[in-house]
Amino acid sequence: MFDEVGSDWTLLGRGKSSQVFRIGGGEVIKIFHDAVSEEMIAREMAAAGMAASLRLPTAAPRIRATVGEKPALIYPEIIGLSVAAAIRRKPLSASRLLRDMASLLHAVHRQPVSGLRSVKSVLVTDIDYGPAPDAIKRAAIEYLHRLPDAGQLLHGDFHIDNILVSDGDLVILDWAKAATGAPAADAVRSEMLMRFGEGPADPVTTLWRDWAARCLSKAYHKASGVGEDALRQWRPVVALAWLRARPPVRTDAFHRYLNKALRSAGLPTIS
């Protein structure tokens, strides 16, 4: 559709899987990097469309496109700031925005859906291809299969850079990691992204990130009724799966978190 990036396009953001440009006419284009699979692009289209049809605050892609030979999606433009940027601009808004995020995550999890991959299959694959010793992988996968199943919509990447504040409301972006399953699995991943995801790791920010993760989990429990026992069940396998591709941020703290979760489930730890 497009031979190349337009000279009048404005770069809005660049991530591990794509870059996003404003192209005018109230639209943006998300251009995927070469390493992104067709499966991931198709999943983003399907899940974002599904979420929009369920009246969740999000944007569904309008059309599939290409830029040169790179696959792309065209979306309606949503004017706003990420929650991360909004907190940097007004730090005292953090508690309210984290509570609003927790309520929004619960709204996602209230939706029973079909047609997406299961979170258990995602975790099995990531554990199996991850760097943990084989004995730990086998024990963790056996444990995972015993955890409760569910068919709720899960976002899979719910963090402060994937949520926009637009006219005072929160809007969800990036459904490429969507799945179905138990809400607690998705809530645990959000907790981990808050504490150990990409971003600053200086001592002051680290303290803030740990506080924000606790604030988000507490607010999610209040909104959803999903308690600490359910989160504790899922932490070891969600954390072990994340070893496959997690960024090198707060590595020592993350390994302590992982081993504590493994011990609580009676699973062998990683030395």
Protein backbone atom coordinates (compact mmCIF):
# COMPACT_ATOMS: atom_id res chain seq x y z
CA MET A 1 0.00 0.00 0.00
CA PHE A 2 2.88 2.38 0.85
CA ASP A 3 6.23 2.16 -0.90
CA GLU A 4 8.08 3.70 2.04
CA VAL A 5 7.66 5.75 5.20
CA GLY A 6 6.06 9.05 4.23
CA SER A 7 8.20 12.17 4.44
CA ASP A 8 5.34 13.93 6.26
CA TRP A 9 4.73 11.15 8.79
CA THR A 10 5.54 11.88 12.45
CA LEU A 11 7.24 9.19 14.51
CA LEU A 12 5.26 8.72 17.73
CA GLY A 13 7.07 5.77 19.27
CA ARG A 14 9.42 2.86 18.69
CA GLY A 15 9.41 -0.48 20.52
CA LYS A 16 10.82 -3.98 20.31
CA SER A 17 8.24 -5.15 17.78
CA SER A 18 7.17 -2.03 15.87
CA GLN A 19 7.27 1.70 15.28
CA VAL A 20 4.23 3.96 15.14
CA PHE A 21 3.76 7.04 12.93
CA ARG A 22 1.03 9.65 12.68
CA ILE A 23 0.00 9.68 9.02
CA GLY A 24 -2.73 12.34 9.11
CA GLY A 25 -6.46 12.14 8.68
CA GLY A 26 -6.90 11.03 12.28
CA GLU A 27 -4.90 7.83 11.71
CA VAL A 28 -1.66 6.23 12.83
CA ILE A 29 0.23 3.35 11.26
CA LYS A 30 1.99 0.63 13.24
CA ILE A 31 4.84 -0.87 11.19
CA PHE A 32 6.11 -4.21 12.46
CA HIS A 33 9.77 -5.20 12.51
CA ASP A 34 10.94 -8.09 10.34
CA ALA A 35 11.18 -10.53 13.26
CA VAL A 36 7.48 -10.21 14.17
CA SER A 37 5.50 -13.26 13.12
CA GLU A 38 2.35 -13.24 11.05
CA GLU A 39 0.68 -15.08 13.93
CA MET A 40 1.34 -12.18 16.31
CA ILE A 41 -0.01 -9.61 13.86
CA ALA A 42 -3.14 -11.68 13.24
CA ARG A 43 -3.61 -12.09 17.00
CA GLU A 44 -3.35 -8.35 17.57
CA MET A 45 -5.98 -7.70 14.88
CA ALA A 46 -8.34 -10.34 16.25
CA ALA A 47 -7.95 -9.46 19.93
CA ALA A 48 -8.17 -5.68 19.45
CA GLY A 49 -11.28 -6.11 17.31
CA MET A 50 -12.77 -8.45 19.89
CA ALA A 51 -12.03 -6.03 22.75
CA ALA A 52 -13.60 -3.13 20.84
CA SER A 53 -16.69 -5.20 20.09
CA LEU A 54 -17.00 -5.86 23.83
CA ARG A 55 -17.01 -2.08 24.37
CA LEU A 56 -13.72 -2.04 26.21
CA PRO A 57 -11.87 1.28 25.84
CA THR A 58 -9.48 0.48 23.02
CA ALA A 59 -8.97 1.06 19.30
CA ALA A 60 -9.51 -1.63 16.69
CA PRO A 61 -7.29 -1.59 13.59
CA ARG A 62 -9.05 -0.16 10.56
CA ILE A 63 -7.07 -1.95 7.86
CA ARG A 64 -4.07 -4.18 7.21
CA ALA A 65 -1.33 -2.49 5.17
CA THR A 66 2.28 -2.74 4.06
CA VAL A 67 5.09 -0.21 4.08
CA GLY A 68 7.66 -1.37 1.60
CA GLU A 69 7.75 -5.07 2.42
CA LYS A 70 6.94 -4.63 6.12
CA PRO A 71 3.49 -5.55 7.46
CA ALA A 72 1.53 -2.78 9.16
CA LEU A 73 -1.80 -1.94 10.75
CA ILE A 74 -3.63 1.37 10.46
CA TYR A 75 -5.45 2.53 13.59
CA PRO A 76 -7.54 5.55 14.50
CA GLU A 77 -5.34 7.98 16.37
CA ILE A 78 -6.01 8.36 20.09
CA ILE A 79 -4.72 11.63 21.49
CA GLY A 80 -3.27 11.27 24.94
CA LEU A 81 -0.35 10.42 27.20
CA SER A 82 0.73 7.03 28.43
CA VAL A 83 0.08 6.43 32.12
CA ALA A 84 3.86 6.40 32.57
CA ALA A 85 4.16 9.86 31.02
CA ALA A 86 1.15 11.15 32.94
CA ILE A 87 2.71 10.04 36.23
CA ARG A 88 6.04 11.65 35.34
CA ARG A 89 4.19 14.90 34.60
CA LYS A 90 2.04 14.76 37.77
CA PRO A 91 3.57 12.34 40.31
CA LEU A 92 0.75 12.87 42.82
CA SER A 93 -1.68 11.34 40.32
CA ALA A 94 0.02 7.93 40.57
CA SER A 95 -2.27 6.35 43.18
CA ARG A 96 -5.44 7.33 41.31
CA LEU A 97 -4.13 6.20 37.94
CA LEU A 98 -2.98 2.85 39.34
CA ARG A 99 -6.42 2.30 40.91
CA ASP A 100 -8.04 3.17 37.58
CA MET A 101 -5.71 0.73 35.82
CA ALA A 102 -6.68 -2.02 38.24
CA SER A 103 -10.39 -1.40 37.61
CA LEU A 104 -9.76 -1.44 33.87
CA LEU A 105 -7.82 -4.72 34.08
CA HIS A 106 -10.74 -6.24 35.97
CA ALA A 107 -13.11 -4.99 33.24
CA VAL A 108 -10.99 -6.87 30.68
CA HIS A 109 -11.03 -10.01 32.81
CA ARG A 110 -14.80 -9.97 33.17
CA GLN A 111 -15.16 -10.83 29.48
CA PRO A 112 -15.51 -14.53 28.58
CA VAL A 113 -14.16 -15.08 25.06
CA SER A 114 -13.12 -17.84 22.68
CA GLY A 115 -10.91 -18.10 19.63
CA LEU A 116 -7.66 -16.93 21.23
CA ARG A 117 -4.75 -19.08 22.43
CA SER A 118 -4.82 -20.18 26.07
CA VAL A 119 -2.49 -18.61 28.60
CA LYS A 120 -1.48 -22.10 29.73
CA SER A 121 -0.22 -22.95 26.24
CA VAL A 122 1.74 -19.67 26.18
CA LEU A 123 3.35 -20.41 29.54
CA VAL A 124 4.19 -24.01 28.62
CA THR A 125 5.94 -22.86 25.43
CA ASP A 126 7.88 -20.07 27.18
CA ILE A 127 8.95 -22.33 30.04
CA ASP A 128 9.96 -25.08 27.64
CA TYR A 129 12.07 -22.74 25.48
CA GLY A 130 13.45 -20.78 28.41
CA PRO A 131 16.83 -21.13 30.12
CA ALA A 132 15.75 -22.98 33.29
CA PRO A 133 17.19 -26.46 33.97
CA ASP A 134 15.13 -29.30 32.49
CA ALA A 135 14.15 -30.73 35.89
CA ILE A 136 12.65 -27.39 36.94
CA LYS A 137 10.86 -27.04 33.61
CA ARG A 138 9.25 -30.48 33.93
CA ALA A 139 8.14 -29.86 37.51
CA ALA A 140 6.77 -26.41 36.67
CA ILE A 141 4.82 -27.60 33.62
CA GLU A 142 3.31 -30.46 35.62
CA TYR A 143 2.33 -27.92 38.30
CA LEU A 144 0.89 -25.57 35.66
CA HIS A 145 -1.39 -28.23 34.25
CA ARG A 146 -2.98 -28.60 37.71
CA LEU A 147 -3.88 -24.91 37.97
CA PRO A 148 -7.49 -23.86 37.35
CA ASP A 149 -8.64 -23.19 33.79
CA ALA A 150 -10.85 -20.29 32.73
CA GLY A 151 -11.95 -18.64 29.51
CA GLN A 152 -11.61 -14.95 30.36
CA LEU A 153 -9.98 -12.34 28.13
CA LEU A 154 -6.38 -11.59 29.16
CA HIS A 155 -4.38 -8.69 27.75
CA GLY A 156 -0.95 -10.25 28.31
CA ASP A 157 1.05 -6.99 28.40
CA PHE A 158 -0.90 -4.65 30.68
CA HIS A 159 1.57 -2.00 31.88
CA ILE A 160 1.87 1.76 32.23
CA ASP A 161 3.28 2.31 28.73
CA ASN A 162 0.43 0.37 27.08
CA ILE A 163 -2.36 2.40 28.70
CA LEU A 164 -3.15 5.91 27.48
CA VAL A 165 -4.84 8.72 29.38
CA SER A 166 -7.14 10.38 26.82
CA ASP A 167 -9.56 13.12 27.90
CA GLY A 168 -9.36 11.78 31.44
CA ASP A 169 -10.18 8.19 30.49
CA LEU A 170 -7.88 5.18 30.15
CA VAL A 171 -7.48 3.46 26.78
CA ILE A 172 -5.78 0.09 26.22
CA LEU A 173 -3.17 -0.39 23.48
CA ASP A 174 -1.29 -3.38 22.03
CA TRP A 175 -3.21 -6.66 22.15
CA ALA A 176 -0.46 -8.73 20.50
CA LYS A 177 0.03 -10.92 23.60
CA ALA A 178 -3.68 -11.49 24.29
CA ALA A 179 -4.90 -14.90 25.44
CA THR A 180 -7.70 -16.56 27.38
CA GLY A 181 -7.39 -18.05 30.83
CA ALA A 182 -7.42 -17.33 34.55
CA PRO A 183 -7.37 -13.60 35.41
CA ALA A 184 -4.81 -14.16 38.17
CA ALA A 185 -2.19 -15.11 35.56
CA ASP A 186 -2.62 -11.75 33.81
CA ALA A 187 -2.64 -9.81 37.08
CA VAL A 188 0.64 -11.47 38.12
CA ARG A 189 2.26 -10.53 34.81
CA SER A 190 1.20 -6.90 35.32
CA GLU A 191 2.73 -6.98 38.80
CA MET A 192 6.01 -8.28 37.33
CA LEU A 193 6.03 -5.74 34.49
CA MET A 194 5.60 -2.96 37.02
CA ARG A 195 8.49 -4.16 39.17
CA PHE A 196 10.90 -5.72 36.71
CA GLY A 197 9.97 -4.56 33.19
CA GLU A 198 11.96 -2.23 31.00
CA GLY A 199 12.66 1.15 32.52
CA PRO A 200 14.85 2.94 35.05
CA ALA A 201 16.30 0.85 37.89
CA ASP A 202 18.02 3.45 40.06
CA PRO A 203 17.40 3.04 43.81
CA VAL A 204 14.68 5.70 44.08
CA THR A 205 12.78 4.48 41.02
CA THR A 206 13.13 0.88 42.22
CA LEU A 207 11.42 1.78 45.50
CA TRP A 208 8.67 3.54 43.55
CA ARG A 209 8.19 0.57 41.22
CA ASP A 210 7.83 -1.86 44.14
CA TRP A 211 5.31 0.48 45.77
CA ALA A 212 3.38 0.86 42.49
CA ALA A 213 3.22 -2.92 42.03
CA ARG A 214 1.79 -3.33 45.53
CA CYS A 215 -0.68 -0.49 44.92
CA LEU A 216 -1.82 -2.05 41.64
CA SER A 217 -2.24 -5.53 43.16
CA LYS A 218 -4.15 -4.19 46.17
CA ALA A 219 -6.49 -2.17 43.94
CA TYR A 220 -6.98 -5.14 41.60
CA HIS A 221 -7.94 -7.36 44.56
CA LYS A 222 -10.45 -4.74 45.73
CA ALA A 223 -11.99 -4.44 42.25
CA SER A 224 -12.00 -8.11 41.29
CA GLY A 225 -12.04 -10.15 44.47
CA VAL A 226 -9.06 -12.15 43.16
CA GLY A 227 -7.01 -12.68 46.28
CA GLU A 228 -3.37 -13.21 47.18
CA ASP A 229 -3.78 -17.00 47.25
CA ALA A 230 -4.76 -17.03 43.56
CA LEU A 231 -1.87 -14.74 42.63
CA ARG A 232 0.55 -16.88 44.64
CA GLN A 233 -0.54 -19.96 42.67
CA TRP A 234 0.37 -18.37 39.33
CA ARG A 235 3.54 -16.45 40.26
CA PRO A 236 6.02 -19.33 39.87
CA VAL A 237 4.97 -20.31 36.36
CA VAL A 238 4.41 -16.77 35.06
CA ALA A 239 7.82 -15.72 36.40
CA LEU A 240 9.59 -18.84 35.11
CA ALA A 241 8.05 -18.32 31.65
CA TRP A 242 9.25 -14.71 31.65
CA LEU A 243 12.86 -15.88 31.89
CA ARG A 244 12.66 -16.62 28.17
CA ALA A 245 12.57 -13.00 27.10
CA ARG A 246 12.63 -10.65 30.09
CA PRO A 247 14.83 -7.54 29.85
CA PRO A 248 18.06 -7.37 31.90
CA VAL A 249 16.55 -5.07 34.53
CA ARG A 250 16.83 -5.75 38.29
CA THR A 251 18.11 -9.26 37.58
CA ASP A 252 19.08 -10.14 41.17
CA ALA A 253 15.77 -8.86 42.57
CA PHE A 254 13.83 -10.77 39.94
CA HIS A 255 15.63 -14.03 40.72
CA ARG A 256 14.83 -13.59 44.41
CA TYR A 257 11.17 -13.01 43.46
CA LEU A 258 11.20 -16.09 41.20
CA ASN A 259 12.80 -18.39 43.76
CA LYS A 260 10.43 -17.23 46.50
CA ALA A 261 7.49 -18.02 44.19
CA LEU A 262 8.94 -21.44 43.30
CA ARG A 263 9.50 -22.33 46.97
CA SER A 264 5.97 -21.29 47.91
CA ALA A 265 4.63 -23.76 45.32
CA GLY A 266 6.93 -26.57 46.45
CA LEU A 267 8.95 -26.40 43.23
CA PRO A 268 12.74 -26.60 42.90
CA THR A 269 14.53 -23.26 42.80
CA ILE A 270 17.14 -21.88 40.40
CA SER A 271 20.63 -21.44 41.76
